[in-house]
PDB file of all heavy atoms in Angstrom:
ATOM      1  N   VAL A   1    -184.202  52.184  65.326  1.00  0.00           N
ATOM      2  CA  VAL A   1    -183.943  52.995  66.502  1.00  0.00           C
ATOM      3  C   VAL A   1    -185.302  53.161  67.164  1.00  0.00           C
ATOM      4  O   VAL A   1    -186.253  53.624  66.541  1.00  0.00           O
ATOM      5  CB  VAL A   1    -183.363  54.378  66.135  1.00  0.00           C
ATOM      6  CG1 VAL A   1    -183.195  55.242  67.377  1.00  0.00           C
ATOM      7  CG2 VAL A   1    -182.046  54.236  65.395  1.00  0.00           C
ATOM      8  N   GLU A   2    -185.410  52.739  68.414  1.00  0.00           N
ATOM      9  CA  GLU A   2    -186.711  52.760  69.079  1.00  0.00           C
ATOM     10  C   GLU A   2    -186.807  53.880  70.110  1.00  0.00           C
ATOM     11  O   GLU A   2    -185.805  54.308  70.664  1.00  0.00           O
ATOM     12  CB  GLU A   2    -186.965  51.418  69.774  1.00  0.00           C
ATOM     13  CG  GLU A   2    -187.123  50.275  68.807  1.00  0.00           C
ATOM     14  CD  GLU A   2    -187.490  48.992  69.499  1.00  0.00           C
ATOM     15  OE1 GLU A   2    -186.600  48.403  70.119  1.00  0.00           O
ATOM     16  OE2 GLU A   2    -188.674  48.618  69.424  1.00  0.00           O
ATOM     17  N   HIS A   3    -188.036  54.304  70.316  1.00  0.00           N
ATOM     18  CA  HIS A   3    -188.364  55.259  71.367  1.00  0.00           C
ATOM     19  C   HIS A   3    -189.820  55.037  71.747  1.00  0.00           C
ATOM     20  O   HIS A   3    -190.569  54.382  71.022  1.00  0.00           O
ATOM     21  CB  HIS A   3    -188.125  56.704  70.913  1.00  0.00           C
ATOM     22  CG  HIS A   3    -189.009  57.119  69.777  1.00  0.00           C
ATOM     23  ND1 HIS A   3    -190.263  57.639  69.971  1.00  0.00           N
ATOM     24  CD2 HIS A   3    -188.833  57.062  68.434  1.00  0.00           C
ATOM     25  CE1 HIS A   3    -190.822  57.901  68.805  1.00  0.00           C
ATOM     26  NE2 HIS A   3    -189.973  57.550  67.857  1.00  0.00           N
ATOM     27  N   ARG A   4    -190.217  55.575  72.894  1.00  0.00           N
ATOM     28  CA  ARG A   4    -191.611  55.448  73.309  1.00  0.00           C
ATOM     29  C   ARG A   4    -192.509  56.173  72.310  1.00  0.00           C
ATOM     30  O   ARG A   4    -192.190  57.279  71.866  1.00  0.00           O
ATOM     31  CB  ARG A   4    -191.811  56.030  74.709  1.00  0.00           C
ATOM     32  CG  ARG A   4    -191.207  55.199  75.810  1.00  0.00           C
ATOM     33  CD  ARG A   4    -191.589  55.716  77.200  1.00  0.00           C
ATOM     34  NE  ARG A   4    -191.879  57.137  77.281  1.00  0.00           N
ATOM     35  CZ  ARG A   4    -191.008  58.090  77.607  1.00  0.00           C
ATOM     36  NH1 ARG A   4    -189.759  57.758  77.868  1.00  0.00           N
ATOM     37  NH2 ARG A   4    -191.369  59.348  77.677  1.00  0.00           N
ATOM     38  N   ALA A   5    -193.635  55.577  71.974  1.00  0.00           N
ATOM     39  CA  ALA A   5    -194.560  56.167  71.001  1.00  0.00           C
ATOM     40  C   ALA A   5    -195.065  57.536  71.446  1.00  0.00           C
ATOM     41  O   ALA A   5    -195.310  58.410  70.606  1.00  0.00           O
ATOM     42  CB  ALA A   5    -195.736  55.223  70.761  1.00  0.00           C
ATOM     43  N   ASP A   6    -195.192  57.754  72.740  1.00  0.00           N
ATOM     44  CA  ASP A   6    -195.717  59.029  73.238  1.00  0.00           C
ATOM     45  C   ASP A   6    -194.624  60.082  73.480  1.00  0.00           C
ATOM     46  O   ASP A   6    -194.902  61.182  73.931  1.00  0.00           O
ATOM     47  CB  ASP A   6    -196.527  58.807  74.520  1.00  0.00           C
ATOM     48  CG  ASP A   6    -195.684  58.275  75.673  1.00  0.00           C
ATOM     49  OD1 ASP A   6    -194.531  57.829  75.433  1.00  0.00           O
ATOM     50  OD2 ASP A   6    -196.176  58.289  76.810  1.00  0.00           O
ATOM     51  N   ASP A   7    -193.384  59.773  73.153  1.00  0.00           N
ATOM     52  CA  ASP A   7    -192.262  60.682  73.382  1.00  0.00           C
ATOM     53  C   ASP A   7    -191.967  61.483  72.117  1.00  0.00           C
ATOM     54  O   ASP A   7    -191.107  61.131  71.327  1.00  0.00           O
ATOM     55  CB  ASP A   7    -191.037  59.893  73.830  1.00  0.00           C
ATOM     56  CG  ASP A   7    -189.845  60.776  74.157  1.00  0.00           C
ATOM     57  OD1 ASP A   7    -189.913  62.010  73.968  1.00  0.00           O
ATOM     58  OD2 ASP A   7    -188.828  60.221  74.608  1.00  0.00           O
ATOM     59  N   THR A   8    -192.674  62.590  71.934  1.00  0.00           N
ATOM     60  CA  THR A   8    -192.486  63.415  70.736  1.00  0.00           C
ATOM     61  C   THR A   8    -191.182  64.198  70.777  1.00  0.00           C
ATOM     62  O   THR A   8    -190.643  64.545  69.727  1.00  0.00           O
ATOM     63  CB  THR A   8    -193.664  64.384  70.554  1.00  0.00           C
ATOM     64  OG1 THR A   8    -193.790  65.179  71.735  1.00  0.00           O
ATOM     65  CG2 THR A   8    -194.960  63.617  70.300  1.00  0.00           C
ATOM     66  N   VAL A   9    -190.652  64.449  71.965  1.00  0.00           N
ATOM     67  CA  VAL A   9    -189.381  65.154  72.078  1.00  0.00           C
ATOM     68  C   VAL A   9    -188.270  64.327  71.440  1.00  0.00           C
ATOM     69  O   VAL A   9    -187.416  64.839  70.723  1.00  0.00           O
ATOM     70  CB  VAL A   9    -189.054  65.478  73.562  1.00  0.00           C
ATOM     71  CG1 VAL A   9    -187.656  66.042  73.707  1.00  0.00           C
ATOM     72  CG2 VAL A   9    -190.087  66.446  74.124  1.00  0.00           C
ATOM     73  N   THR A  10    -188.288  63.035  71.677  1.00  0.00           N
ATOM     74  CA  THR A  10    -187.290  62.145  71.073  1.00  0.00           C
ATOM     75  C   THR A  10    -187.706  61.747  69.662  1.00  0.00           C
ATOM     76  O   THR A  10    -186.873  61.706  68.749  1.00  0.00           O
ATOM     77  CB  THR A  10    -187.119  60.873  71.935  1.00  0.00           C
ATOM     78  OG1 THR A  10    -186.750  61.270  73.251  1.00  0.00           O
ATOM     79  CG2 THR A  10    -186.061  59.957  71.353  1.00  0.00           C
ATOM     80  N   GLY A  11    -188.987  61.455  69.471  1.00  0.00           N
ATOM     81  CA  GLY A  11    -189.474  60.986  68.180  1.00  0.00           C
ATOM     82  C   GLY A  11    -189.301  61.978  67.053  1.00  0.00           C
ATOM     83  O   GLY A  11    -188.989  61.600  65.924  1.00  0.00           O
ATOM     84  N   GLY A  12    -189.487  63.251  67.350  1.00  0.00           N
ATOM     85  CA  GLY A  12    -189.354  64.282  66.311  1.00  0.00           C
ATOM     86  C   GLY A  12    -187.991  64.270  65.637  1.00  0.00           C
ATOM     87  O   GLY A  12    -187.884  64.160  64.413  1.00  0.00           O
ATOM     88  N   PRO A  13    -186.909  64.391  66.412  1.00  0.00           N
ATOM     89  CA  PRO A  13    -185.578  64.375  65.794  1.00  0.00           C
ATOM     90  C   PRO A  13    -185.214  63.033  65.132  1.00  0.00           C
ATOM     91  O   PRO A  13    -184.411  62.991  64.209  1.00  0.00           O
ATOM     92  CB  PRO A  13    -184.630  64.653  66.959  1.00  0.00           C
ATOM     93  CG  PRO A  13    -185.462  65.309  67.998  1.00  0.00           C
ATOM     94  CD  PRO A  13    -186.842  64.746  67.828  1.00  0.00           C
ATOM     95  N   LEU A  14    -185.816  61.939  65.618  1.00  0.00           N
ATOM     96  CA  LEU A  14    -185.503  60.632  65.033  1.00  0.00           C
ATOM     97  C   LEU A  14    -186.276  60.367  63.734  1.00  0.00           C
ATOM     98  O   LEU A  14    -185.871  59.516  62.940  1.00  0.00           O
ATOM     99  CB  LEU A  14    -185.805  59.512  66.035  1.00  0.00           C
ATOM    100  CG  LEU A  14    -184.902  59.434  67.254  1.00  0.00           C
ATOM    101  CD1 LEU A  14    -185.369  58.337  68.197  1.00  0.00           C
ATOM    102  CD2 LEU A  14    -183.452  59.219  66.842  1.00  0.00           C
ATOM    103  N   ALA A  15    -187.373  61.064  63.515  1.00  0.00           N
ATOM    104  CA  ALA A  15    -188.232  60.808  62.346  1.00  0.00           C
ATOM    105  C   ALA A  15    -187.476  60.808  61.013  1.00  0.00           C
ATOM    106  O   ALA A  15    -187.715  59.937  60.175  1.00  0.00           O
ATOM    107  CB  ALA A  15    -189.391  61.796  62.319  1.00  0.00           C
ATOM    108  N   PRO A  16    -186.549  61.746  60.783  1.00  0.00           N
ATOM    109  CA  PRO A  16    -185.840  61.725  59.493  1.00  0.00           C
ATOM    110  C   PRO A  16    -184.968  60.494  59.283  1.00  0.00           C
ATOM    111  O   PRO A  16    -184.559  60.199  58.165  1.00  0.00           O
ATOM    112  CB  PRO A  16    -184.974  62.994  59.527  1.00  0.00           C
ATOM    113  CG  PRO A  16    -185.577  63.859  60.565  1.00  0.00           C
ATOM    114  CD  PRO A  16    -186.227  62.937  61.558  1.00  0.00           C
ATOM    115  N   LEU A  17    -184.682  59.765  60.359  1.00  0.00           N
ATOM    116  CA  LEU A  17    -183.872  58.561  60.232  1.00  0.00           C
ATOM    117  C   LEU A  17    -184.663  57.373  59.700  1.00  0.00           C
ATOM    118  O   LEU A  17    -184.095  56.351  59.339  1.00  0.00           O
ATOM    119  CB  LEU A  17    -183.264  58.180  61.591  1.00  0.00           C
ATOM    120  CG  LEU A  17    -182.316  59.195  62.208  1.00  0.00           C
ATOM    121  CD1 LEU A  17    -181.861  58.724  63.579  1.00  0.00           C
ATOM    122  CD2 LEU A  17    -181.128  59.458  61.301  1.00  0.00           C
ATOM    123  N   THR A  18    -185.985  57.492  59.667  1.00  0.00           N
ATOM    124  CA  THR A  18    -186.821  56.398  59.188  1.00  0.00           C
ATOM    125  C   THR A  18    -186.724  56.314  57.667  1.00  0.00           C
ATOM    126  O   THR A  18    -187.065  57.248  56.956  1.00  0.00           O
ATOM    127  CB  THR A  18    -188.286  56.609  59.608  1.00  0.00           C
ATOM    128  OG1 THR A  18    -188.349  56.624  61.026  1.00  0.00           O
ATOM    129  CG2 THR A  18    -189.173  55.498  59.071  1.00  0.00           C
ATOM    130  N   HIS A  19    -186.257  55.194  57.193  1.00  0.00           N
ATOM    131  CA  HIS A  19    -186.148  54.916  55.757  1.00  0.00           C
ATOM    132  C   HIS A  19    -187.374  54.101  55.373  1.00  0.00           C
ATOM    133  O   HIS A  19    -187.564  52.990  55.897  1.00  0.00           O
ATOM    134  CB  HIS A  19    -184.855  54.147  55.503  1.00  0.00           C
ATOM    135  CG  HIS A  19    -184.620  53.807  54.085  1.00  0.00           C
ATOM    136  ND1 HIS A  19    -184.807  52.531  53.594  1.00  0.00           N
ATOM    137  CD2 HIS A  19    -184.223  54.575  53.042  1.00  0.00           C
ATOM    138  CE1 HIS A  19    -184.518  52.531  52.307  1.00  0.00           C
ATOM    139  NE2 HIS A  19    -184.177  53.752  51.953  1.00  0.00           N
ATOM    140  N   PRO A  20    -188.249  54.622  54.522  1.00  0.00           N
ATOM    141  CA  PRO A  20    -189.526  53.948  54.244  1.00  0.00           C
ATOM    142  C   PRO A  20    -189.403  52.486  53.812  1.00  0.00           C
ATOM    143  O   PRO A  20    -190.154  51.639  54.288  1.00  0.00           O
ATOM    144  CB  PRO A  20    -190.154  54.806  53.144  1.00  0.00           C
ATOM    145  CG  PRO A  20    -189.561  56.167  53.348  1.00  0.00           C
ATOM    146  CD  PRO A  20    -188.152  55.907  53.824  1.00  0.00           C
ATOM    147  N   ALA A  21    -188.470  52.171  52.942  1.00  0.00           N
ATOM    148  CA  ALA A  21    -188.333  50.786  52.485  1.00  0.00           C
ATOM    149  C   ALA A  21    -187.883  49.881  53.634  1.00  0.00           C
ATOM    150  O   ALA A  21    -188.385  48.759  53.780  1.00  0.00           O
ATOM    151  CB  ALA A  21    -187.348  50.702  51.323  1.00  0.00           C
ATOM    152  N   THR A  22    -186.975  50.374  54.450  1.00  0.00           N
ATOM    153  CA  THR A  22    -186.511  49.592  55.595  1.00  0.00           C
ATOM    154  C   THR A  22    -187.643  49.398  56.590  1.00  0.00           C
ATOM    155  O   THR A  22    -187.801  48.318  57.169  1.00  0.00           O
ATOM    156  CB  THR A  22    -185.297  50.271  56.259  1.00  0.00           C
ATOM    157  OG1 THR A  22    -184.274  50.421  55.280  1.00  0.00           O
ATOM    158  CG2 THR A  22    -184.779  49.463  57.426  1.00  0.00           C
ATOM    159  N   ARG A  23    -188.458  50.422  56.783  1.00  0.00           N
ATOM    160  CA  ARG A  23    -189.599  50.312  57.686  1.00  0.00           C
ATOM    161  C   ARG A  23    -190.573  49.239  57.203  1.00  0.00           C
ATOM    162  O   ARG A  23    -191.145  48.488  57.989  1.00  0.00           O
ATOM    163  CB  ARG A  23    -190.313  51.668  57.808  1.00  0.00           C
ATOM    164  CG  ARG A  23    -191.503  51.661  58.739  1.00  0.00           C
ATOM    165  CD  ARG A  23    -191.028  51.281  60.125  1.00  0.00           C
ATOM    166  NE  ARG A  23    -192.125  50.794  60.927  1.00  0.00           N
ATOM    167  CZ  ARG A  23    -192.264  51.055  62.205  1.00  0.00           C
ATOM    168  NH1 ARG A  23    -191.382  51.806  62.828  1.00  0.00           N
ATOM    169  NH2 ARG A  23    -193.268  50.560  62.874  1.00  0.00           N
ATOM    170  N   THR A  24    -190.770  49.151  55.892  1.00  0.00           N
ATOM    171  CA  THR A  24    -191.635  48.122  55.309  1.00  0.00           C
ATOM    172  C   THR A  24    -191.116  46.735  55.667  1.00  0.00           C
ATOM    173  O   THR A  24    -191.884  45.859  56.080  1.00  0.00           O
ATOM    174  CB  THR A  24    -191.709  48.293  53.781  1.00  0.00           C
ATOM    175  OG1 THR A  24    -192.311  49.558  53.496  1.00  0.00           O
ATOM    176  CG2 THR A  24    -192.496  47.190  53.113  1.00  0.00           C
ATOM    177  N   LEU A  25    -189.819  46.527  55.532  1.00  0.00           N
ATOM    178  CA  LEU A  25    -189.214  45.233  55.849  1.00  0.00           C
ATOM    179  C   LEU A  25    -189.307  44.942  57.341  1.00  0.00           C
ATOM    180  O   LEU A  25    -189.600  43.809  57.745  1.00  0.00           O
ATOM    181  CB  LEU A  25    -187.761  45.201  55.380  1.00  0.00           C
ATOM    182  CG  LEU A  25    -187.559  45.439  53.878  1.00  0.00           C
ATOM    183  CD1 LEU A  25    -186.076  45.485  53.545  1.00  0.00           C
ATOM    184  CD2 LEU A  25    -188.278  44.400  53.053  1.00  0.00           C
ATOM    185  N   LEU A  26    -189.083  45.954  58.153  1.00  0.00           N
ATOM    186  CA  LEU A  26    -189.202  45.817  59.602  1.00  0.00           C
ATOM    187  C   LEU A  26    -190.606  45.359  59.990  1.00  0.00           C
ATOM    188  O   LEU A  26    -190.773  44.436  60.788  1.00  0.00           O
ATOM    189  CB  LEU A  26    -188.886  47.151  60.274  1.00  0.00           C
ATOM    190  CG  LEU A  26    -189.159  47.264  61.767  1.00  0.00           C
ATOM    191  CD1 LEU A  26    -188.125  46.479  62.550  1.00  0.00           C
ATOM    192  CD2 LEU A  26    -189.160  48.713  62.180  1.00  0.00           C
ATOM    193  N   ASP A  27    -191.609  45.982  59.399  1.00  0.00           N
ATOM    194  CA  ASP A  27    -192.997  45.614  59.704  1.00  0.00           C
ATOM    195  C   ASP A  27    -193.266  44.151  59.369  1.00  0.00           C
ATOM    196  O   ASP A  27    -193.883  43.432  60.153  1.00  0.00           O
ATOM    197  CB  ASP A  27    -193.975  46.506  58.943  1.00  0.00           C
ATOM    198  CG  ASP A  27    -193.972  47.943  59.441  1.00  0.00           C
ATOM    199  OD1 ASP A  27    -193.452  48.208  60.535  1.00  0.00           O
ATOM    200  OD2 ASP A  27    -194.490  48.810  58.695  1.00  0.00           O
ATOM    201  N   ALA A  28    -192.801  43.699  58.222  1.00  0.00           N
ATOM    202  CA  ALA A  28    -193.028  42.309  57.809  1.00  0.00           C
ATOM    203  C   ALA A  28    -192.351  41.335  58.760  1.00  0.00           C
ATOM    204  O   ALA A  28    -192.948  40.334  59.175  1.00  0.00           O
ATOM    205  CB  ALA A  28    -192.522  42.102  56.384  1.00  0.00           C
ATOM    206  N   GLU A  29    -191.110  41.615  59.131  1.00  0.00           N
ATOM    207  CA  GLU A  29    -190.364  40.716  60.012  1.00  0.00           C
ATOM    208  C   GLU A  29    -190.958  40.680  61.421  1.00  0.00           C
ATOM    209  O   GLU A  29    -191.077  39.614  62.024  1.00  0.00           O
ATOM    210  CB  GLU A  29    -188.897  41.146  60.082  1.00  0.00           C
ATOM    211  CG  GLU A  29    -188.159  40.932  58.773  1.00  0.00           C
ATOM    212  CD  GLU A  29    -186.716  41.393  58.824  1.00  0.00           C
ATOM    213  OE1 GLU A  29    -186.184  41.667  59.941  1.00  0.00           O
ATOM    214  OE2 GLU A  29    -186.087  41.488  57.749  1.00  0.00           O
ATOM    215  N   ARG A  30    -191.336  41.820  61.936  1.00  0.00           N
ATOM    216  CA  ARG A  30    -191.892  41.859  63.295  1.00  0.00           C
ATOM    217  C   ARG A  30    -193.219  41.119  63.401  1.00  0.00           C
ATOM    218  O   ARG A  30    -193.505  40.515  64.424  1.00  0.00           O
ATOM    219  CB  ARG A  30    -192.070  43.304  63.747  1.00  0.00           C
ATOM    220  CG  ARG A  30    -190.774  43.922  64.176  1.00  0.00           C
ATOM    221  CD  ARG A  30    -191.019  45.225  64.860  1.00  0.00           C
ATOM    222  NE  ARG A  30    -189.828  45.646  65.561  1.00  0.00           N
ATOM    223  CZ  ARG A  30    -189.741  46.780  66.208  1.00  0.00           C
ATOM    224  NH1 ARG A  30    -190.764  47.600  66.257  1.00  0.00           N
ATOM    225  NH2 ARG A  30    -188.632  47.105  66.819  1.00  0.00           N
ATOM    226  N   VAL A  31    -194.021  41.171  62.354  1.00  0.00           N
ATOM    227  CA  VAL A  31    -195.300  40.472  62.390  1.00  0.00           C
ATOM    228  C   VAL A  31    -195.084  38.967  62.473  1.00  0.00           C
ATOM    229  O   VAL A  31    -195.837  38.269  63.149  1.00  0.00           O
ATOM    230  CB  VAL A  31    -196.185  40.853  61.184  1.00  0.00           C
ATOM    231  CG1 VAL A  31    -197.368  39.929  61.043  1.00  0.00           C
ATOM    232  CG2 VAL A  31    -196.660  42.293  61.329  1.00  0.00           C
TER     233      VAL A  31
END
């Protein structure tokens, strides 16, 4: 789920949706 990096109003509520293991895989694939 994407949002602008500088948008803390949206980013704050979305933060709990970040699953650390999934984020790791996302980082590898995007690179």
